[in-house]
Protein backbone atom coordinates (compact mmCIF):
# COMPACT_ATOMS: atom_id res chain seq x y z
CA UNK A 1 30.44 -0.94 -42.72
CA UNK A 2 31.72 -3.69 -40.30
CA UNK A 3 33.13 -3.25 -36.80
CA UNK A 4 34.73 -6.02 -34.98
CA UNK A 5 32.83 -8.65 -37.01
CA UNK A 6 29.53 -6.84 -36.60
CA UNK A 7 27.91 -4.32 -38.80
CA UNK A 8 27.09 -0.94 -37.30
CA UNK A 9 23.45 -1.65 -38.01
CA UNK A 10 23.61 -5.06 -36.29
CA UNK A 11 25.49 -3.43 -33.26
CA UNK A 12 22.82 -0.64 -33.06
CA UNK A 13 19.95 -3.21 -33.27
CA UNK A 14 21.40 -5.31 -30.40
CA UNK A 15 21.72 -2.17 -28.31
CA UNK A 16 18.19 -1.11 -28.85
CA UNK A 17 16.80 -4.63 -27.94
CA UNK A 18 18.90 -4.76 -24.81
CA UNK A 19 17.75 -1.19 -23.75
CA UNK A 20 14.14 -2.18 -24.20
CA UNK A 21 14.53 -5.55 -22.42
CA UNK A 22 16.28 -3.70 -19.50
CA UNK A 23 13.38 -1.15 -19.23
CA UNK A 24 10.71 -3.85 -19.32
CA UNK A 25 12.49 -5.94 -16.64
CA UNK A 26 12.53 -2.84 -14.29
CA UNK A 27 8.63 -2.42 -14.48
CA UNK A 28 5.89 -4.53 -12.70
CA UNK A 29 4.69 -5.76 -16.19
CA UNK A 30 7.50 -8.30 -16.18
CA UNK A 31 6.69 -9.26 -12.55
CA UNK A 32 3.51 -10.65 -13.92
CA UNK A 33 3.20 -14.44 -13.96
CA UNK A 34 5.34 -16.73 -16.16
CA UNK A 35 3.63 -19.66 -14.90
CA UNK A 36 0.15 -20.43 -13.39
CA UNK A 37 -0.64 -19.21 -9.85
CA UNK A 38 -0.60 -21.51 -6.83
CA UNK A 39 -1.34 -21.13 -3.21
CA UNK A 40 1.11 -22.98 -0.90
CA UNK A 41 2.16 -22.65 2.77
CA UNK A 42 5.50 -22.79 4.62
CA UNK A 43 5.95 -26.57 3.99
CA UNK A 44 4.78 -26.27 0.42
CA UNK A 45 1.46 -27.76 1.21
CA UNK A 46 -1.56 -26.64 -0.59
CA UNK A 47 -3.40 -23.69 0.95
CA UNK A 48 -6.77 -21.89 0.54
CA UNK A 49 -5.16 -18.44 0.02
CA UNK A 50 -2.04 -16.34 -0.11
CA UNK A 51 -0.30 -14.08 2.46
CA UNK A 52 1.63 -10.92 1.84
CA UNK A 53 5.10 -10.60 3.23
CA UNK A 54 4.18 -7.56 5.26
CA UNK A 55 7.10 -5.62 6.84
CA UNK A 56 9.50 -8.72 6.20
CA UNK A 57 10.15 -7.54 2.49
CA UNK A 58 10.15 -4.75 0.01
CA UNK A 59 6.62 -4.28 -1.30
CA UNK A 60 5.35 -6.69 1.37
CA UNK A 61 2.13 -4.83 2.01
CA UNK A 62 -0.79 -4.33 -0.36
CA UNK A 63 -0.21 -1.19 -2.53
CA UNK A 64 0.43 0.17 -6.09
CA UNK A 65 4.10 0.49 -5.57
CA UNK A 66 4.79 2.91 -8.34
CA UNK A 67 8.09 3.58 -9.82
CA UNK A 68 9.34 4.54 -13.31
CA UNK A 69 7.45 2.99 -16.12
CA UNK A 70 4.96 1.22 -13.94
CA UNK A 71 1.19 1.47 -14.75
CA UNK A 72 -0.49 -0.52 -12.00
CA UNK A 73 -4.43 -0.49 -12.03
CA UNK A 74 -4.65 -3.09 -9.25
CA UNK A 75 -2.88 -3.27 -5.96
CA UNK A 76 -0.41 -6.01 -5.31
CA UNK A 77 2.01 -7.37 -2.74
CA UNK A 78 5.00 -9.66 -2.46
CA UNK A 79 3.94 -13.12 -1.07
CA UNK A 80 5.24 -15.49 1.38
CA UNK A 81 6.50 -18.99 0.51
CA UNK A 82 6.71 -18.42 -3.25
CA UNK A 83 2.94 -18.59 -3.70
CA UNK A 84 0.76 -16.70 -6.02
CA UNK A 85 2.13 -15.45 -9.32
CA UNK A 86 5.85 -16.02 -10.14
CA UNK A 87 8.01 -13.41 -11.84
CA UNK A 88 11.65 -12.30 -12.05
CA UNK A 89 11.53 -10.32 -8.89
CA UNK A 90 9.68 -13.00 -6.75
CA UNK A 91 6.29 -14.24 -6.12
CA UNK A 92 3.38 -11.75 -5.84
CA UNK A 93 -0.48 -11.47 -5.85
CA UNK A 94 -3.18 -9.00 -6.39
CA UNK A 95 -4.76 -7.98 -3.14
CA UNK A 96 -7.92 -6.31 -1.80
CA UNK A 97 -8.05 -2.55 -2.70
CA UNK A 98 -9.65 -1.94 0.70
CA UNK A 99 -6.39 -2.85 2.27
CA UNK A 100 -4.34 -0.03 0.53
CA UNK A 101 -2.96 2.90 2.44
CA UNK A 102 -4.76 6.26 2.09
CA UNK A 103 -3.59 9.76 3.03
CA UNK A 104 -5.46 12.97 3.64
CA UNK A 105 -5.16 16.02 1.50
CA UNK A 106 -6.45 19.54 1.54
CA UNK A 107 -10.13 18.63 0.95
CA UNK A 108 -10.14 16.53 4.12
CA UNK A 109 -10.53 13.22 2.20
CA UNK A 110 -8.32 10.16 1.97
CA UNK A 111 -6.72 9.09 -1.27
CA UNK A 112 -4.51 6.20 -2.36
CA UNK A 113 -1.15 6.70 -4.15
CA UNK A 114 -2.69 5.80 -7.52
CA UNK A 115 -5.22 8.56 -6.96
CA UNK A 116 -2.38 11.02 -5.97
CA UNK A 117 -0.58 10.05 -9.20
CA UNK A 118 -3.66 10.18 -11.44
CA UNK A 119 -4.70 13.65 -10.13
CA UNK A 120 -1.39 15.33 -9.56
CA UNK A 121 0.71 13.66 -12.28
CA UNK A 122 4.50 14.19 -11.81
CA UNK A 123 3.97 16.00 -8.50
CA UNK A 124 2.09 13.01 -7.19
CA UNK A 125 5.03 11.18 -5.57
CA UNK A 126 6.36 14.19 -3.68
CA UNK A 127 2.92 15.14 -2.53
CA UNK A 128 2.30 11.53 -1.34
CA UNK A 129 5.49 11.48 0.60
CA UNK A 130 4.56 14.90 2.19
CA UNK A 131 1.30 13.52 3.27
CA UNK A 132 2.67 10.64 5.27
CA UNK A 133 1.84 12.15 8.60
CA UNK A 134 -1.89 12.30 7.60
CA UNK A 135 -2.13 8.61 6.72
CA UNK A 136 -5.53 7.05 7.58
CA UNK A 137 -5.83 5.44 10.95
CA UNK A 138 -8.62 3.45 12.54
CA UNK A 139 -9.34 2.16 15.91
CA UNK A 140 -8.43 -1.48 16.74
CA UNK A 141 -9.90 -3.77 19.27
CA UNK A 142 -7.40 -2.77 21.88
CA UNK A 143 -8.47 0.83 21.56
CA UNK A 144 -5.34 2.17 19.77
CA UNK A 145 -5.37 4.03 16.45
CA UNK A 146 -3.31 2.06 13.83
CA UNK A 147 -2.31 2.83 10.25
CA UNK A 148 -3.56 0.28 7.74
CA UNK A 149 -0.24 -1.57 7.97
CA UNK A 150 -0.14 -1.62 11.62
CA UNK A 151 -3.85 -2.74 11.65
CA UNK A 152 -3.01 -5.73 9.47
CA UNK A 153 -0.03 -6.61 11.63
CA UNK A 154 -2.30 -6.67 14.63
CA UNK A 155 -5.06 -8.88 13.10
CA UNK A 156 -3.24 -10.97 10.47
CA UNK A 157 -2.48 -14.08 12.78
CA UNK A 158 -6.02 -14.26 13.80
CA UNK A 159 -7.97 -13.42 10.52
CA UNK A 160 -5.48 -14.12 7.69
CA UNK A 161 -4.82 -11.98 4.68
CA UNK A 162 -8.46 -11.57 3.52
CA UNK A 163 -10.19 -11.55 6.98
CA UNK A 164 -8.48 -8.59 8.52
CA UNK A 165 -9.83 -6.06 5.96
CA UNK A 166 -13.43 -7.34 5.88
CA UNK A 167 -16.45 -5.69 7.57
CA UNK A 168 -17.70 -7.23 10.67
CA UNK A 169 -19.13 -5.12 13.49
CA UNK A 170 -18.45 -7.74 16.14
CA UNK A 171 -14.67 -8.02 15.51
CA UNK A 172 -14.07 -4.60 14.16
CA UNK A 173 -11.84 -5.39 11.15
CA UNK A 174 -10.47 -2.59 8.98
CA UNK A 175 -13.49 -2.07 6.73
CA UNK A 176 -15.81 -1.68 9.78
CA UNK A 177 -13.52 -0.20 12.30
CA UNK A 178 -14.21 3.37 13.60
CA UNK A 179 -12.24 6.34 12.40
CA UNK A 180 -9.27 7.50 14.40
CA UNK A 181 -9.92 10.10 17.14
CA UNK A 182 -7.46 12.72 18.58
CA UNK A 183 -7.74 14.86 21.68
CA UNK A 184 -8.40 18.58 21.32
CA UNK A 185 -7.56 21.35 23.75
CA UNK A 186 -10.95 20.91 25.45
CA UNK A 187 -10.01 17.42 26.49
CA UNK A 188 -12.50 15.70 24.28
CA UNK A 189 -11.80 13.15 21.51
CA UNK A 190 -12.69 13.95 17.95
CA UNK A 191 -12.50 12.38 14.51
CA UNK A 192 -10.92 14.47 11.77
CA UNK A 193 -14.20 16.02 10.63
CA UNK A 194 -15.09 16.92 14.23
CA UNK A 195 -11.52 18.19 14.79
CA UNK A 196 -11.84 20.50 11.70
CA UNK A 197 -15.30 21.65 12.90
CA UNK A 198 -13.83 22.44 16.40
CA UNK A 199 -10.55 24.21 15.14
CA UNK A 200 -11.51 25.42 11.71
CA UNK A 201 -10.01 23.89 8.54
CA UNK A 202 -6.73 25.87 8.68
CA UNK A 203 -5.75 25.38 12.32
CA UNK A 204 -7.01 21.67 12.30
CA UNK A 205 -4.04 20.62 10.17
CA UNK A 206 -1.39 21.74 12.66
CA UNK A 207 -3.41 20.85 15.77
CA UNK A 208 -4.13 17.38 14.40
CA UNK A 209 -0.50 16.58 13.93
CA UNK A 210 0.42 17.44 17.52
CA UNK A 211 -2.61 16.16 19.24
CA UNK A 212 -2.55 13.09 21.51
CA UNK A 213 -3.43 9.96 19.65
CA UNK A 214 -3.85 7.12 22.16
CA UNK A 215 -6.71 7.09 24.65
CA UNK A 216 -6.05 6.02 28.22
CA UNK A 217 -9.70 5.96 29.36
CA UNK A 218 -10.86 2.97 27.54
């Protein structure tokens, strides 16, 4: 049976194909490379590595960036200057999993958004959002507690995309930086584990959220 020059079967087939293409282009699978990767700088010169966009763009920090239909096993970020892998949504690269944000849950431990999704399933996104105030922070060289993205922004100009996350006791990058401390009622500064021991697990959650975060005695 024909309709406007097309059979019903052909029209249905075209609609199915378009629907599938639309779904695929909406997922990170189609953000994967269409060409070989390349490292280049602001003036298109060859460089030894890539740099994430950071706060300058969507998905600019290293993460899993889940959305409908995605299935990311490795973290990635959008890159500056079009370097890295190319795709329909722009350039990107895989990044160090140590540079991914983690948030604390009821057991007192930190987990990534991927771990939230794997463990909690459909509830993972909402629980991840609710845990934002309990994002992991570590102490930077200036004595301030920074989230992993703030930490990157503080060190990135000095150490580059790979250097800021690596362990070095002398320079205190993220991997070797000490855990955040907050001030308890007794005026002393505690890590989360010490805080929970001082207040008890139940009270520690509310007290941690309202406790002073920045030390002035350093």
